[in-house]
C-alpha atoms as a PDB file:
ATOM      1  CA  MET A   1    -149.647 122.054 157.595  1.00  0.00           C
ATOM      2  CA  ASP A   2    -147.668 120.445 154.795  1.00  0.00           C
ATOM      3  CA  SER A   3    -149.876 118.465 152.396  1.00  0.00           C
ATOM      4  CA  THR A   4    -147.015 117.125 150.313  1.00  0.00           C
ATOM      5  CA  VAL A   5    -147.519 113.537 149.321  1.00  0.00           C
ATOM      6  CA  ARG A   6    -144.433 111.395 149.183  1.00  0.00           C
ATOM      7  CA  LEU A   7    -144.392 108.798 146.480  1.00  0.00           C
ATOM      8  CA  ALA A   8    -142.656 105.524 146.983  1.00  0.00           C
ATOM      9  CA  GLU A   9    -139.445 105.006 145.081  1.00  0.00           C
ATOM     10  CA  PRO A  10    -140.072 103.064 141.880  1.00  0.00           C
ATOM     11  CA  ALA A  11    -139.185  99.420 142.170  1.00  0.00           C
ATOM     12  CA  SER A  12    -135.886  98.731 140.534  1.00  0.00           C
ATOM     13  CA  PRO A  13    -136.105  96.367 137.602  1.00  0.00           C
ATOM     14  CA  PRO A  14    -134.586  92.940 138.049  1.00  0.00           C
ATOM     15  CA  ARG A  15    -130.851  92.939 137.451  1.00  0.00           C
ATOM     16  CA  ARG A  16    -130.149  91.590 133.982  1.00  0.00           C
ATOM     17  CA  VAL A  17    -127.153  89.381 133.532  1.00  0.00           C
ATOM     18  CA  LEU A  18    -125.570  89.739 130.119  1.00  0.00           C
ATOM     19  CA  PRO A  19    -124.918  86.513 128.257  1.00  0.00           C
ATOM     20  CA  ARG A  20    -121.376  85.173 128.075  1.00  0.00           C
ATOM     21  CA  VAL A  21    -120.015  83.934 124.770  1.00  0.00           C
ATOM     22  CA  SER A  22    -117.312  81.323 124.245  1.00  0.00           C
ATOM     23  CA  ARG A  23    -116.090  78.802 121.696  1.00  0.00           C
ATOM     24  CA  ASP A  24    -116.428  75.072 122.283  1.00  0.00           C
ATOM     25  CA  ARG A  25    -115.407  72.421 119.733  1.00  0.00           C
ATOM     26  CA  GLY A  26    -115.934  74.711 116.747  1.00  0.00           C
ATOM     27  CA  ARG A  27    -119.259  76.098 117.999  1.00  0.00           C
ATOM     28  CA  THR A  28    -120.169  79.487 119.387  1.00  0.00           C
ATOM     29  CA  VAL A  29    -121.736  79.024 122.824  1.00  0.00           C
ATOM     30  CA  ILE A  30    -123.966  81.657 124.414  1.00  0.00           C
ATOM     31  CA  TRP A  31    -124.379  81.110 128.167  1.00  0.00           C
ATOM     32  CA  LEU A  32    -127.600  82.421 129.704  1.00  0.00           C
ATOM     33  CA  ASP A  33    -128.144  83.027 133.420  1.00  0.00           C
ATOM     34  CA  GLY A  34    -131.046  84.325 135.480  1.00  0.00           C
ATOM     35  CA  GLU A  35    -134.506  85.302 134.302  1.00  0.00           C
ATOM     36  CA  HIS A  36    -135.291  85.589 130.604  1.00  0.00           C
ATOM     37  CA  ASP A  37    -138.710  87.131 130.267  1.00  0.00           C
ATOM     38  CA  ILE A  38    -140.019  89.362 127.487  1.00  0.00           C
ATOM     39  CA  ALA A  39    -137.959  92.298 128.782  1.00  0.00           C
ATOM     40  CA  ALA A  40    -134.742  90.333 128.136  1.00  0.00           C
ATOM     41  CA  VAL A  41    -135.651  89.509 124.525  1.00  0.00           C
ATOM     42  CA  PRO A  42    -133.907  92.515 122.874  1.00  0.00           C
ATOM     43  CA  VAL A  43    -130.624  91.764 124.645  1.00  0.00           C
ATOM     44  CA  LEU A  44    -130.733  88.074 123.680  1.00  0.00           C
ATOM     45  CA  ALA A  45    -131.685  88.925 120.085  1.00  0.00           C
ATOM     46  CA  ASP A  46    -128.691  91.285 119.884  1.00  0.00           C
ATOM     47  CA  TRP A  47    -126.262  88.688 121.273  1.00  0.00           C
ATOM     48  CA  LEU A  48    -127.583  86.001 118.933  1.00  0.00           C
ATOM     49  CA  ALA A  49    -127.236  88.356 115.955  1.00  0.00           C
ATOM     50  CA  ARG A  50    -123.643  89.129 116.952  1.00  0.00           C
ATOM     51  CA  ALA A  51    -122.791  85.442 117.321  1.00  0.00           C
ATOM     52  CA  ILE A  52    -124.348  84.593 113.958  1.00  0.00           C
ATOM     53  CA  ALA A  53    -122.550  87.434 112.175  1.00  0.00           C
ATOM     54  CA  ALA A  54    -119.169  86.832 113.835  1.00  0.00           C
ATOM     55  CA  ASP A  55    -118.325  83.641 111.957  1.00  0.00           C
ATOM     56  CA  ASP A  56    -119.815  80.678 110.146  1.00  0.00           C
ATOM     57  CA  CYS A  57    -120.074  78.352 113.158  1.00  0.00           C
ATOM     58  CA  ASP A  58    -123.089  76.598 114.573  1.00  0.00           C
ATOM     59  CA  VAL A  59    -124.528  78.137 117.750  1.00  0.00           C
ATOM     60  CA  THR A  60    -125.339  76.509 121.077  1.00  0.00           C
ATOM     61  CA  VAL A  61    -127.316  78.306 123.774  1.00  0.00           C
ATOM     62  CA  ASP A  62    -126.486  76.951 127.225  1.00  0.00           C
ATOM     63  CA  LEU A  63    -129.515  77.332 129.482  1.00  0.00           C
ATOM     64  CA  GLY A  64    -127.924  75.795 132.583  1.00  0.00           C
ATOM     65  CA  GLY A  65    -128.082  79.015 134.619  1.00  0.00           C
ATOM     66  CA  VAL A  66    -131.617  80.047 133.617  1.00  0.00           C
ATOM     67  CA  THR A  67    -134.132  80.414 136.457  1.00  0.00           C
ATOM     68  CA  PHE A  68    -137.077  81.530 134.304  1.00  0.00           C
ATOM     69  CA  ILE A  69    -137.670  81.555 130.558  1.00  0.00           C
ATOM     70  CA  SER A  70    -140.603  82.911 128.589  1.00  0.00           C
ATOM     71  CA  ALA A  71    -142.111  81.750 125.334  1.00  0.00           C
ATOM     72  CA  ALA A  72    -140.968  85.090 123.851  1.00  0.00           C
ATOM     73  CA  THR A  73    -137.376  84.136 124.644  1.00  0.00           C
ATOM     74  CA  ILE A  74    -137.857  80.734 123.026  1.00  0.00           C
ATOM     75  CA  ALA A  75    -139.328  82.473 119.953  1.00  0.00           C
ATOM     76  CA  VAL A  76    -136.146  84.552 119.537  1.00  0.00           C
ATOM     77  CA  MET A  77    -134.057  81.391 119.612  1.00  0.00           C
ATOM     78  CA  VAL A  78    -136.349  79.709 117.060  1.00  0.00           C
ATOM     79  CA  ARG A  79    -135.991  82.706 114.718  1.00  0.00           C
ATOM     80  CA  ALA A  80    -132.208  82.515 115.103  1.00  0.00           C
ATOM     81  CA  ARG A  81    -132.322  78.769 114.366  1.00  0.00           C
ATOM     82  CA  ASP A  82    -134.407  79.391 111.236  1.00  0.00           C
ATOM     83  CA  TYR A  83    -131.958  82.039 110.052  1.00  0.00           C
ATOM     84  CA  LEU A  84    -128.988  79.729 110.661  1.00  0.00           C
ATOM     85  CA  LEU A  85    -130.691  76.905 108.734  1.00  0.00           C
ATOM     86  CA  LEU A  86    -130.735  79.139 105.639  1.00  0.00           C
ATOM     87  CA  ASP A  87    -126.932  79.025 105.805  1.00  0.00           C
ATOM     88  CA  SER A  88    -126.764  75.259 106.579  1.00  0.00           C
ATOM     89  CA  ARG A  89    -125.896  76.020 110.202  1.00  0.00           C
ATOM     90  CA  SER A  90    -127.646  74.982 113.379  1.00  0.00           C
ATOM     91  CA  LEU A  91    -128.753  76.252 116.765  1.00  0.00           C
ATOM     92  CA  THR A  92    -129.087  73.844 119.660  1.00  0.00           C
ATOM     93  CA  LEU A  93    -130.013  74.298 123.288  1.00  0.00           C
ATOM     94  CA  ARG A  94    -127.924  72.743 126.033  1.00  0.00           C
ATOM     95  CA  SER A  95    -128.602  71.928 129.699  1.00  0.00           C
ATOM     96  CA  PRO A  96    -132.150  73.268 130.008  1.00  0.00           C
ATOM     97  CA  PRO A  97    -133.326  73.350 133.630  1.00  0.00           C
ATOM     98  CA  ARG A  98    -136.796  72.085 134.469  1.00  0.00           C
ATOM     99  CA  CYS A  99    -138.423  75.513 133.945  1.00  0.00           C
ATOM    100  CA  ALA A 100    -136.998  75.760 130.406  1.00  0.00           C
ATOM    101  CA  ARG A 101    -137.747  72.135 129.573  1.00  0.00           C
ATOM    102  CA  ARG A 102    -141.432  72.687 130.448  1.00  0.00           C
ATOM    103  CA  VAL A 103    -141.691  75.684 128.103  1.00  0.00           C
ATOM    104  CA  LEU A 104    -139.902  73.766 125.330  1.00  0.00           C
ATOM    105  CA  GLU A 105    -142.246  70.797 125.793  1.00  0.00           C
ATOM    106  CA  THR A 106    -145.300  73.065 125.736  1.00  0.00           C
ATOM    107  CA  CYS A 107    -144.070  74.679 122.511  1.00  0.00           C
ATOM    108  CA  GLY A 108    -143.189  71.305 120.958  1.00  0.00           C
ATOM    109  CA  LEU A 109    -139.527  72.277 120.687  1.00  0.00           C
ATOM    110  CA  THR A 110    -137.684  69.602 122.659  1.00  0.00           C
ATOM    111  CA  GLY A 111    -135.942  68.695 119.380  1.00  0.00           C
ATOM    112  CA  LEU A 112    -133.793  71.818 119.814  1.00  0.00           C
ATOM    113  CA  VAL A 113    -132.161  70.307 122.904  1.00  0.00           C
ATOM    114  CA  GLU A 114    -128.699  68.908 122.306  1.00  0.00           C
ATOM    115  CA  GLN A 115    -128.664  65.144 122.645  1.00  0.00           C
ATOM    116  CA  LEU A 116    -125.563  63.947 124.444  1.00  0.00           C
ATOM    117  CA  PRO A 117    -124.205  60.448 123.848  1.00  0.00           C
ATOM    118  CA  PRO A 118    -124.867  57.979 126.683  1.00  0.00           C
ATOM    119  CA  GLU A 119    -122.237  57.831 129.425  1.00  0.00           C
ATOM    120  CA  GLY A 120    -119.222  55.855 128.203  1.00  0.00           C
ATOM    121  CA  ALA A 121    -120.313  55.811 124.538  1.00  0.00           C
ATOM    122  CA  PRO A 122    -117.765  57.071 121.988  1.00  0.00           C
ATOM    123  CA  SER A 123    -118.523  60.547 120.693  1.00  0.00           C
ATOM    124  CA  ALA A 124    -119.267  61.141 117.005  1.00  0.00           C
ATOM    125  CA  LEU A 125    -115.832  62.743 116.650  1.00  0.00           C
ATOM    126  CA  GLN A 126    -114.114  59.692 118.100  1.00  0.00           C
ATOM    127  CA  SER A 127    -116.197  57.323 115.963  1.00  0.00           C
ATOM    128  CA  SER A 128    -115.487  59.149 112.713  1.00  0.00           C
ATOM    129  CA  SER A 129    -111.764  59.492 113.341  1.00  0.00           C
ATOM    130  CA  VAL A 130    -111.400  55.830 114.318  1.00  0.00           C
ATOM    131  CA  GLY A 131    -113.291  54.680 111.207  1.00  0.00           C
ATOM    132  CA  GLY A 132    -111.137  56.853 108.958  1.00  0.00           C
ATOM    133  CA  MET A 133    -107.845  55.501 110.279  1.00  0.00           C
ATOM    134  CA  GLY A 134    -106.317  52.487 108.605  1.00  0.00           C
ATOM    135  CA  SER A 135    -109.140  52.006 106.088  1.00  0.00           C
END
């Protein structure tokens, strides 16, 4: 009689989606998708470091595709923001879904969220260029 015990295959870890990086109106934008728990922190920290070192632009993290976000992930973004502030640069968060907004509210960090002008209002770029013309 064979007394070999068969072990179940280990569960595969959740598939990690690497961030995408683009440029938008003079800013570096990092697009996050999927789950961002503590296991995703090293990847995000690496991408933020690359974006910060690549040029002297401000950084925006687009959270529109995030389905879960941990406080550890938020902490990495706060550290990146603090580092950028030393160089008179900024980090803002854009399009946080409800799950991310709750974590930001709990951490008292809703001020990191990019504030968009009301629908139909002139943007800051339009306002400054109009005021500078013909004066």
